[in-house]
Amino acid sequence: MSEKGHVTALQFNGEAVLMDKLSQQDTIEQLTKLLDRLEEFNAMFDMFEHFMQRGPEMADSLNRLIVMLREQGQGFDILSKLESSFQTLNRLQQFLYADEFKKLEENLLNDDMLKLMNSISRSITAASLEFEYGKPERISIFTLMRELSNPEIQPAIRFVLNFLKILSKELKDA
C-alpha cells in the first residue's frame, strides 16, 4: 500500500507473482519441509550465534597456547631432534634395503615358514593352556621313555632332531 492507502500496480504485480510462486507444488513441498525443520534451524542459528560470541575468548586461548608452545620450544632444539629423526629413518631405510634383510625376509615370509610358525604358535598356546589348567603330574624317566615311543609325539621328535642337525651344520658354516 502507498502512503495514502492505495495499492500501486507495482505492489499488486509483486503480490501476484508471490502468490503464484506460493501456489506451486514444488514451493509448497519446500516450505513444508522448511517449516518441519524450523526448530532445528533455530537451534543451529543459536549455536552459531553462541559460537560467534565466544570467538574472542577462543582466539585468546589460541594465542596463549601459541605463546606457551614458543616459550617451551626455546628450551628444545627442535631442528636437531628433527634431523636426528630423519637420520634414524634413513638408517632404517638402508637396513630394509640391505641384501641381508632381503634374505631374512625371503626366509621368514614364505608360505612354508608362515604355516610352520602358525602351527608352532597354535601348539604353544594349546600346551600352555593345558599346562595351566591341567592336573600337574610328575614325569619320571620311565614316563619320558614311554612317551618317546608315542606315535603322536614321534613327528615332533623327528622335527626337533632334524632342526638340531641342520642348526649344527649352519653354525659350523657361520
N, C-alpha and C. Protein backbone atom coordinates (compact mmCIF):
# COMPACT_ATOMS: atom_id res chain seq x y z
N MET A 1 0.83 -1.18 0.00
CA MET A 1 0.00 0.00 0.00
C MET A 1 0.88 1.24 0.00
N SER A 2 0.37 2.25 -0.61
CA SER A 2 1.12 3.50 -0.63
C SER A 2 0.82 4.26 0.65
N GLU A 3 1.38 5.44 0.73
CA GLU A 3 1.21 6.24 1.93
C GLU A 3 -0.25 6.61 2.15
N LYS A 4 -1.01 6.69 1.11
CA LYS A 4 -2.39 7.13 1.22
C LYS A 4 -3.35 5.96 1.30
N GLY A 5 -2.87 4.72 1.37
CA GLY A 5 -3.75 3.57 1.50
C GLY A 5 -4.14 2.97 0.17
N HIS A 6 -3.54 3.38 -0.90
CA HIS A 6 -3.85 2.84 -2.23
C HIS A 6 -2.80 1.83 -2.63
N VAL A 7 -3.21 0.80 -3.30
CA VAL A 7 -2.29 -0.23 -3.79
C VAL A 7 -1.85 0.17 -5.18
N THR A 8 -0.52 0.23 -5.36
CA THR A 8 0.00 0.60 -6.67
C THR A 8 0.07 -0.65 -7.54
N ALA A 9 0.22 -0.43 -8.84
CA ALA A 9 0.28 -1.55 -9.79
C ALA A 9 1.51 -2.40 -9.52
N LEU A 10 2.62 -1.77 -9.15
CA LEU A 10 3.86 -2.49 -8.87
C LEU A 10 3.69 -3.40 -7.66
N GLN A 11 3.04 -2.89 -6.61
CA GLN A 11 2.80 -3.70 -5.42
C GLN A 11 1.86 -4.86 -5.74
N PHE A 12 0.81 -4.58 -6.50
CA PHE A 12 -0.16 -5.61 -6.85
C PHE A 12 0.51 -6.69 -7.70
N ASN A 13 1.34 -6.28 -8.65
CA ASN A 13 2.05 -7.23 -9.51
C ASN A 13 3.00 -8.09 -8.68
N GLY A 14 3.70 -7.49 -7.75
CA GLY A 14 4.62 -8.24 -6.89
C GLY A 14 3.89 -9.26 -6.04
N GLU A 15 2.72 -8.87 -5.51
CA GLU A 15 1.92 -9.78 -4.70
C GLU A 15 1.39 -10.93 -5.56
N ALA A 16 1.02 -10.65 -6.79
CA ALA A 16 0.50 -11.68 -7.69
C ALA A 16 1.61 -12.69 -8.02
N VAL A 17 2.82 -12.20 -8.25
CA VAL A 17 3.94 -13.09 -8.54
C VAL A 17 4.23 -13.96 -7.32
N LEU A 18 4.19 -13.34 -6.14
CA LEU A 18 4.43 -14.08 -4.90
C LEU A 18 3.36 -15.16 -4.69
N MET A 19 2.10 -14.80 -4.90
CA MET A 19 1.02 -15.76 -4.73
C MET A 19 1.14 -16.90 -5.75
N ASP A 20 1.52 -16.56 -6.95
CA ASP A 20 1.71 -17.59 -7.98
C ASP A 20 2.82 -18.54 -7.57
N LYS A 21 3.90 -18.00 -7.08
CA LYS A 21 5.05 -18.83 -6.65
C LYS A 21 4.66 -19.70 -5.46
N LEU A 22 3.91 -19.13 -4.51
CA LEU A 22 3.49 -19.87 -3.32
C LEU A 22 2.50 -20.98 -3.64
N SER A 23 1.81 -20.88 -4.73
CA SER A 23 0.82 -21.90 -5.08
C SER A 23 1.43 -23.07 -5.87
N GLN A 24 2.68 -22.97 -6.25
CA GLN A 24 3.33 -24.07 -6.98
C GLN A 24 3.62 -25.22 -6.02
N GLN A 25 3.41 -26.47 -6.51
CA GLN A 25 3.56 -27.66 -5.67
C GLN A 25 4.98 -27.80 -5.13
N ASP A 26 5.98 -27.53 -5.94
CA ASP A 26 7.38 -27.64 -5.51
C ASP A 26 7.67 -26.68 -4.36
N THR A 27 7.18 -25.45 -4.49
CA THR A 27 7.38 -24.45 -3.44
C THR A 27 6.67 -24.86 -2.16
N ILE A 28 5.46 -25.39 -2.30
CA ILE A 28 4.71 -25.84 -1.12
C ILE A 28 5.47 -26.94 -0.39
N GLU A 29 6.00 -27.90 -1.15
CA GLU A 29 6.76 -29.00 -0.53
C GLU A 29 8.02 -28.48 0.18
N GLN A 30 8.71 -27.54 -0.47
CA GLN A 30 9.92 -27.00 0.14
C GLN A 30 9.60 -26.19 1.40
N LEU A 31 8.55 -25.39 1.36
CA LEU A 31 8.17 -24.62 2.54
C LEU A 31 7.72 -25.53 3.67
N THR A 32 7.00 -26.59 3.35
CA THR A 32 6.56 -27.54 4.37
C THR A 32 7.77 -28.20 5.02
N LYS A 33 8.71 -28.58 4.19
CA LYS A 33 9.94 -29.20 4.70
C LYS A 33 10.69 -28.22 5.60
N LEU A 34 10.77 -26.97 5.17
CA LEU A 34 11.44 -25.93 5.95
C LEU A 34 10.73 -25.72 7.29
N LEU A 35 9.41 -25.64 7.26
CA LEU A 35 8.65 -25.44 8.49
C LEU A 35 8.76 -26.63 9.43
N ASP A 36 8.85 -27.85 8.86
CA ASP A 36 9.01 -29.04 9.69
C ASP A 36 10.34 -29.02 10.44
N ARG A 37 11.33 -28.38 9.86
CA ARG A 37 12.67 -28.37 10.47
C ARG A 37 13.01 -27.01 11.08
N LEU A 38 12.03 -26.19 11.27
CA LEU A 38 12.25 -24.84 11.77
C LEU A 38 12.94 -24.84 13.14
N GLU A 39 12.55 -25.75 14.04
CA GLU A 39 13.19 -25.82 15.35
C GLU A 39 14.68 -26.15 15.22
N GLU A 40 15.01 -27.07 14.31
CA GLU A 40 16.41 -27.44 14.10
C GLU A 40 17.21 -26.24 13.59
N PHE A 41 16.62 -25.48 12.64
CA PHE A 41 17.32 -24.30 12.13
C PHE A 41 17.52 -23.26 13.22
N ASN A 42 16.51 -23.06 14.04
CA ASN A 42 16.64 -22.10 15.14
C ASN A 42 17.75 -22.54 16.10
N ALA A 43 17.79 -23.83 16.43
CA ALA A 43 18.83 -24.33 17.34
C ALA A 43 20.21 -24.15 16.70
N MET A 44 20.30 -24.41 15.40
CA MET A 44 21.58 -24.25 14.71
C MET A 44 22.02 -22.79 14.72
N PHE A 45 21.10 -21.88 14.45
CA PHE A 45 21.44 -20.46 14.47
C PHE A 45 21.82 -20.00 15.87
N ASP A 46 21.14 -20.53 16.90
CA ASP A 46 21.50 -20.20 18.28
C ASP A 46 22.92 -20.67 18.59
N MET A 47 23.25 -21.89 18.16
CA MET A 47 24.61 -22.40 18.39
C MET A 47 25.64 -21.55 17.66
N PHE A 48 25.32 -21.17 16.42
CA PHE A 48 26.24 -20.34 15.64
C PHE A 48 26.45 -18.99 16.32
N GLU A 49 25.37 -18.40 16.81
CA GLU A 49 25.46 -17.11 17.50
C GLU A 49 26.31 -17.24 18.76
N HIS A 50 26.10 -18.33 19.52
CA HIS A 50 26.89 -18.57 20.73
C HIS A 50 28.37 -18.76 20.36
N PHE A 51 28.62 -19.50 19.28
CA PHE A 51 29.99 -19.70 18.82
C PHE A 51 30.64 -18.37 18.46
N MET A 52 29.91 -17.52 17.75
CA MET A 52 30.45 -16.22 17.36
C MET A 52 30.71 -15.33 18.58
N GLN A 53 29.87 -15.44 19.60
CA GLN A 53 30.08 -14.66 20.82
C GLN A 53 31.34 -15.12 21.54
N ARG A 54 31.67 -16.42 21.43
CA ARG A 54 32.86 -16.96 22.11
C ARG A 54 34.12 -16.81 21.26
N GLY A 55 34.00 -16.26 20.05
CA GLY A 55 35.15 -16.12 19.16
C GLY A 55 36.34 -15.43 19.80
N PRO A 56 36.17 -14.27 20.41
CA PRO A 56 37.32 -13.59 21.03
C PRO A 56 37.96 -14.42 22.15
N GLU A 57 37.13 -15.10 22.94
CA GLU A 57 37.66 -15.95 24.02
C GLU A 57 38.50 -17.10 23.44
N MET A 58 38.00 -17.74 22.34
CA MET A 58 38.76 -18.83 21.73
C MET A 58 40.05 -18.31 21.10
N ALA A 59 40.00 -17.13 20.50
CA ALA A 59 41.20 -16.55 19.91
C ALA A 59 42.25 -16.27 20.98
N ASP A 60 41.81 -15.75 22.14
CA ASP A 60 42.74 -15.52 23.25
C ASP A 60 43.36 -16.82 23.73
N SER A 61 42.55 -17.86 23.84
CA SER A 61 43.08 -19.17 24.27
C SER A 61 44.10 -19.69 23.27
N LEU A 62 43.80 -19.54 22.00
CA LEU A 62 44.73 -19.99 20.96
C LEU A 62 46.03 -19.20 21.01
N ASN A 63 45.92 -17.90 21.23
CA ASN A 63 47.13 -17.07 21.34
C ASN A 63 47.98 -17.49 22.54
N ARG A 64 47.32 -17.75 23.69
CA ARG A 64 48.05 -18.20 24.88
C ARG A 64 48.75 -19.53 24.61
N LEU A 65 48.08 -20.44 23.90
CA LEU A 65 48.68 -21.74 23.57
C LEU A 65 49.91 -21.55 22.68
N ILE A 66 49.82 -20.68 21.70
CA ILE A 66 50.96 -20.44 20.81
C ILE A 66 52.12 -19.84 21.58
N VAL A 67 51.85 -18.88 22.45
CA VAL A 67 52.91 -18.28 23.26
C VAL A 67 53.56 -19.32 24.15
N MET A 68 52.74 -20.18 24.78
CA MET A 68 53.26 -21.24 25.65
C MET A 68 54.15 -22.21 24.87
N LEU A 69 53.70 -22.60 23.67
CA LEU A 69 54.50 -23.52 22.85
C LEU A 69 55.82 -22.88 22.42
N ARG A 70 55.77 -21.58 22.11
CA ARG A 70 57.01 -20.90 21.73
C ARG A 70 57.98 -20.84 22.91
N GLU A 71 57.45 -20.56 24.09
CA GLU A 71 58.32 -20.49 25.28
C GLU A 71 58.93 -21.85 25.58
N GLN A 72 58.13 -22.90 25.49
CA GLN A 72 58.65 -24.24 25.74
C GLN A 72 59.59 -24.69 24.63
N GLY A 73 59.31 -24.25 23.41
CA GLY A 73 60.14 -24.64 22.27
C GLY A 73 61.54 -24.06 22.33
N GLN A 74 61.73 -22.96 23.07
CA GLN A 74 63.06 -22.37 23.15
C GLN A 74 64.02 -23.29 23.89
N GLY A 75 63.52 -24.05 24.85
CA GLY A 75 64.38 -24.97 25.60
C GLY A 75 64.70 -26.22 24.81
N PHE A 76 63.91 -26.53 23.81
CA PHE A 76 64.12 -27.72 23.00
C PHE A 76 64.79 -27.33 21.69
N ASP A 77 65.67 -28.16 21.24
CA ASP A 77 66.29 -27.92 19.95
C ASP A 77 65.53 -28.75 18.91
N ILE A 78 64.42 -28.19 18.43
CA ILE A 78 63.51 -28.93 17.56
C ILE A 78 64.19 -29.34 16.27
N LEU A 79 64.96 -28.44 15.67
CA LEU A 79 65.63 -28.78 14.41
C LEU A 79 66.60 -29.94 14.60
N SER A 80 67.31 -29.94 15.70
CA SER A 80 68.24 -31.03 15.98
C SER A 80 67.49 -32.35 16.13
N LYS A 81 66.35 -32.31 16.82
CA LYS A 81 65.56 -33.53 17.02
C LYS A 81 65.00 -34.02 15.69
N LEU A 82 64.55 -33.10 14.85
CA LEU A 82 64.06 -33.50 13.53
C LEU A 82 65.18 -34.12 12.69
N GLU A 83 66.34 -33.51 12.73
CA GLU A 83 67.48 -34.04 11.97
C GLU A 83 67.84 -35.44 12.47
N SER A 84 67.84 -35.62 13.77
CA SER A 84 68.13 -36.93 14.34
C SER A 84 67.08 -37.95 13.91
N SER A 85 65.83 -37.55 13.89
CA SER A 85 64.76 -38.45 13.46
C SER A 85 64.93 -38.84 12.00
N PHE A 86 65.28 -37.87 11.16
CA PHE A 86 65.49 -38.18 9.75
C PHE A 86 66.69 -39.11 9.56
N GLN A 87 67.73 -38.92 10.34
CA GLN A 87 68.88 -39.81 10.25
C GLN A 87 68.50 -41.23 10.65
N THR A 88 67.70 -41.35 11.69
CA THR A 88 67.24 -42.67 12.12
C THR A 88 66.39 -43.32 11.03
N LEU A 89 65.49 -42.56 10.44
CA LEU A 89 64.67 -43.09 9.34
C LEU A 89 65.53 -43.50 8.15
N ASN A 90 66.57 -42.73 7.88
CA ASN A 90 67.46 -43.05 6.78
C ASN A 90 68.21 -44.36 7.05
N ARG A 91 68.70 -44.54 8.30
CA ARG A 91 69.38 -45.79 8.65
C ARG A 91 68.42 -46.98 8.57
N LEU A 92 67.19 -46.77 9.00
CA LEU A 92 66.19 -47.83 8.93
C LEU A 92 65.90 -48.20 7.48
N GLN A 93 65.82 -47.20 6.62
CA GLN A 93 65.59 -47.45 5.20
C GLN A 93 66.76 -48.22 4.60
N GLN A 94 67.99 -47.85 4.95
CA GLN A 94 69.16 -48.57 4.45
C GLN A 94 69.14 -50.02 4.91
N PHE A 95 68.73 -50.24 6.17
CA PHE A 95 68.64 -51.60 6.70
C PHE A 95 67.61 -52.41 5.92
N LEU A 96 66.45 -51.80 5.65
CA LEU A 96 65.39 -52.52 4.95
C LEU A 96 65.76 -52.87 3.52
N TYR A 97 66.63 -52.08 2.90
CA TYR A 97 67.03 -52.35 1.52
C TYR A 97 68.31 -53.17 1.43
N ALA A 98 68.90 -53.51 2.55
CA ALA A 98 70.15 -54.29 2.55
C ALA A 98 69.86 -55.72 2.11
N ASP A 99 70.86 -56.34 1.47
CA ASP A 99 70.72 -57.71 0.98
C ASP A 99 70.45 -58.69 2.12
N GLU A 100 71.08 -58.47 3.26
CA GLU A 100 70.88 -59.38 4.39
C GLU A 100 69.43 -59.38 4.84
N PHE A 101 68.82 -58.20 4.89
CA PHE A 101 67.41 -58.13 5.30
C PHE A 101 66.53 -58.79 4.26
N LYS A 102 66.83 -58.60 2.99
CA LYS A 102 66.03 -59.23 1.94
C LYS A 102 66.10 -60.75 2.04
N LYS A 103 67.29 -61.29 2.35
CA LYS A 103 67.42 -62.74 2.54
C LYS A 103 66.60 -63.20 3.74
N LEU A 104 66.71 -62.45 4.82
CA LEU A 104 65.95 -62.78 6.02
C LEU A 104 64.44 -62.74 5.73
N GLU A 105 64.02 -61.73 5.00
CA GLU A 105 62.62 -61.59 4.64
C GLU A 105 62.16 -62.76 3.76
N GLU A 106 63.00 -63.16 2.80
CA GLU A 106 62.66 -64.30 1.94
C GLU A 106 62.49 -65.58 2.74
N ASN A 107 63.35 -65.76 3.74
CA ASN A 107 63.30 -66.98 4.53
C ASN A 107 62.15 -66.96 5.53
N LEU A 108 61.83 -65.81 6.07
CA LEU A 108 60.81 -65.75 7.11
C LEU A 108 59.39 -65.55 6.58
N LEU A 109 59.26 -64.93 5.44
CA LEU A 109 57.92 -64.57 4.98
C LEU A 109 57.44 -65.42 3.81
N ASN A 110 57.98 -66.63 3.66
CA ASN A 110 57.44 -67.50 2.62
C ASN A 110 56.29 -68.33 3.19
N ASP A 111 55.52 -68.95 2.33
CA ASP A 111 54.32 -69.68 2.77
C ASP A 111 54.64 -70.82 3.72
N ASP A 112 55.70 -71.57 3.42
CA ASP A 112 56.05 -72.71 4.28
C ASP A 112 56.40 -72.24 5.69
N MET A 113 57.17 -71.18 5.79
CA MET A 113 57.57 -70.68 7.10
C MET A 113 56.36 -70.13 7.87
N LEU A 114 55.48 -69.44 7.17
CA LEU A 114 54.29 -68.90 7.84
C LEU A 114 53.39 -70.03 8.34
N LYS A 115 53.24 -71.09 7.56
CA LYS A 115 52.44 -72.24 8.00
C LYS A 115 53.08 -72.88 9.22
N LEU A 116 54.41 -73.04 9.19
CA LEU A 116 55.12 -73.64 10.31
C LEU A 116 54.96 -72.78 11.57
N MET A 117 55.13 -71.47 11.44
CA MET A 117 55.00 -70.59 12.59
C MET A 117 53.57 -70.61 13.14
N ASN A 118 52.61 -70.73 12.25
CA ASN A 118 51.22 -70.82 12.67
C ASN A 118 50.99 -72.11 13.47
N SER A 119 51.54 -73.22 12.99
CA SER A 119 51.41 -74.50 13.71
C SER A 119 52.10 -74.44 15.06
N ILE A 120 53.28 -73.86 15.09
CA ILE A 120 54.03 -73.77 16.35
C ILE A 120 53.28 -72.89 17.34
N SER A 121 52.75 -71.75 16.88
CA SER A 121 52.05 -70.85 17.81
C SER A 121 50.77 -71.49 18.34
N ARG A 122 50.02 -72.21 17.49
CA ARG A 122 48.82 -72.92 17.98
C ARG A 122 49.22 -73.98 19.00
N SER A 123 50.32 -74.71 18.73
CA SER A 123 50.77 -75.76 19.65
C SER A 123 51.21 -75.17 20.98
N ILE A 124 51.92 -74.07 20.94
CA ILE A 124 52.38 -73.42 22.18
C ILE A 124 51.18 -72.95 22.99
N THR A 125 50.20 -72.36 22.31
CA THR A 125 49.01 -71.87 23.02
C THR A 125 48.25 -73.02 23.67
N ALA A 126 48.04 -74.10 22.91
CA ALA A 126 47.30 -75.25 23.47
C ALA A 126 48.07 -75.87 24.62
N ALA A 127 49.39 -76.04 24.46
CA ALA A 127 50.20 -76.64 25.53
C ALA A 127 50.21 -75.75 26.76
N SER A 128 50.26 -74.46 26.55
CA SER A 128 50.26 -73.53 27.68
C SER A 128 48.96 -73.62 28.45
N LEU A 129 47.85 -73.66 27.73
CA LEU A 129 46.55 -73.78 28.39
C LEU A 129 46.43 -75.12 29.13
N GLU A 130 46.89 -76.18 28.49
CA GLU A 130 46.83 -77.49 29.14
C GLU A 130 47.71 -77.52 30.38
N PHE A 131 48.88 -76.90 30.31
CA PHE A 131 49.78 -76.84 31.46
C PHE A 131 49.16 -76.03 32.59
N GLU A 132 48.52 -74.90 32.22
CA GLU A 132 47.95 -74.02 33.23
C GLU A 132 46.72 -74.62 33.89
N TYR A 133 45.87 -75.27 33.10
CA TYR A 133 44.60 -75.76 33.65
C TYR A 133 44.55 -77.28 33.86
N GLY A 134 45.56 -78.00 33.38
CA GLY A 134 45.59 -79.45 33.55
C GLY A 134 46.09 -79.82 34.93
N LYS A 135 45.96 -81.10 35.26
CA LYS A 135 46.45 -81.52 36.58
C LYS A 135 47.95 -81.78 36.46
N PRO A 136 48.72 -81.25 37.38
CA PRO A 136 50.17 -81.45 37.31
C PRO A 136 50.54 -82.88 37.67
N GLU A 137 51.34 -83.50 36.83
CA GLU A 137 51.84 -84.83 37.17
C GLU A 137 53.35 -84.83 37.06
N ARG A 138 53.90 -85.63 37.90
CA ARG A 138 55.34 -85.76 37.93
C ARG A 138 55.77 -86.67 36.78
N ILE A 139 56.81 -86.25 36.08
CA ILE A 139 57.30 -87.04 34.94
C ILE A 139 58.59 -87.73 35.37
N SER A 140 58.54 -89.04 35.30
CA SER A 140 59.73 -89.82 35.64
C SER A 140 60.47 -90.16 34.35
N ILE A 141 61.65 -90.72 34.48
CA ILE A 141 62.44 -91.13 33.32
C ILE A 141 61.72 -92.21 32.55
N PHE A 142 60.98 -93.06 33.26
CA PHE A 142 60.24 -94.13 32.60
C PHE A 142 59.06 -93.57 31.80
N THR A 143 58.40 -92.55 32.36
CA THR A 143 57.31 -91.89 31.63
C THR A 143 57.86 -91.24 30.37
N LEU A 144 59.00 -90.61 30.49
CA LEU A 144 59.64 -89.96 29.35
C LEU A 144 60.00 -90.98 28.28
N MET A 145 60.55 -92.12 28.68
CA MET A 145 60.92 -93.18 27.73
C MET A 145 59.68 -93.73 27.03
N ARG A 146 58.59 -93.92 27.79
CA ARG A 146 57.35 -94.43 27.21
C ARG A 146 56.80 -93.41 26.20
N GLU A 147 56.84 -92.12 26.54
CA GLU A 147 56.33 -91.08 25.65
C GLU A 147 57.17 -90.94 24.38
N LEU A 148 58.45 -91.27 24.43
CA LEU A 148 59.30 -91.19 23.23
C LEU A 148 58.81 -92.13 22.14
N SER A 149 58.17 -93.20 22.52
CA SER A 149 57.66 -94.13 21.51
C SER A 149 56.20 -93.84 21.14
N ASN A 150 55.60 -92.82 21.72
CA ASN A 150 54.22 -92.44 21.43
C ASN A 150 54.13 -91.94 19.98
N PRO A 151 53.25 -92.52 19.14
CA PRO A 151 53.14 -92.10 17.74
C PRO A 151 52.72 -90.64 17.57
N GLU A 152 52.03 -90.07 18.56
CA GLU A 152 51.64 -88.66 18.47
C GLU A 152 52.84 -87.73 18.66
N ILE A 153 53.82 -88.18 19.40
CA ILE A 153 54.99 -87.36 19.70
C ILE A 153 56.11 -87.56 18.69
N GLN A 154 56.14 -88.69 18.02
CA GLN A 154 57.22 -89.02 17.09
C GLN A 154 57.48 -87.94 16.04
N PRO A 155 56.45 -87.38 15.37
CA PRO A 155 56.74 -86.33 14.38
C PRO A 155 57.45 -85.12 14.98
N ALA A 156 57.05 -84.72 16.18
CA ALA A 156 57.69 -83.57 16.82
C ALA A 156 59.13 -83.89 17.18
N ILE A 157 59.39 -85.12 17.65
CA ILE A 157 60.77 -85.52 17.99
C ILE A 157 61.62 -85.51 16.73
N ARG A 158 61.10 -86.06 15.63
CA ARG A 158 61.87 -86.05 14.36
C ARG A 158 62.14 -84.60 13.93
N PHE A 159 61.14 -83.74 14.07
CA PHE A 159 61.32 -82.34 13.70
C PHE A 159 62.43 -81.69 14.52
N VAL A 160 62.39 -81.88 15.84
CA VAL A 160 63.39 -81.27 16.71
C VAL A 160 64.78 -81.82 16.39
N LEU A 161 64.91 -83.13 16.18
CA LEU A 161 66.21 -83.72 15.86
C LEU A 161 66.74 -83.21 14.53
N ASN A 162 65.88 -83.13 13.52
CA ASN A 162 66.31 -82.58 12.22
C ASN A 162 66.71 -81.11 12.36
N PHE A 163 65.94 -80.37 13.12
CA PHE A 163 66.26 -78.97 13.35
C PHE A 163 67.63 -78.82 13.99
N LEU A 164 67.90 -79.63 15.02
CA LEU A 164 69.20 -79.56 15.71
C LEU A 164 70.34 -79.94 14.78
N LYS A 165 70.13 -80.94 13.94
CA LYS A 165 71.16 -81.38 12.99
C LYS A 165 71.48 -80.26 11.99
N ILE A 166 70.45 -79.66 11.43
CA ILE A 166 70.64 -78.59 10.44
C ILE A 166 71.23 -77.35 11.11
N LEU A 167 70.79 -77.01 12.32
CA LEU A 167 71.34 -75.88 13.04
C LEU A 167 72.82 -76.07 13.30
N SER A 168 73.22 -77.29 13.66
CA SER A 168 74.65 -77.56 13.90
C SER A 168 75.45 -77.32 12.62
N LYS A 169 74.94 -77.75 11.49
CA LYS A 169 75.63 -77.53 10.21
C LYS A 169 75.73 -76.04 9.92
N GLU A 170 74.64 -75.31 10.15
CA GLU A 170 74.64 -73.86 9.90
C GLU A 170 75.64 -73.16 10.79
N LEU A 171 75.74 -73.58 12.05
CA LEU A 171 76.66 -72.94 12.99
C LEU A 171 78.11 -73.22 12.62
N LYS A 172 78.39 -74.41 12.08
CA LYS A 172 79.76 -74.72 11.65
C LYS A 172 80.14 -73.89 10.43
N ASP A 173 79.19 -73.62 9.55
CA ASP A 173 79.45 -72.84 8.34
C ASP A 173 79.54 -71.35 8.66
N ALA A 174 78.99 -70.92 9.76
CA ALA A 174 78.94 -69.48 10.07
C ALA A 174 80.26 -68.92 10.43
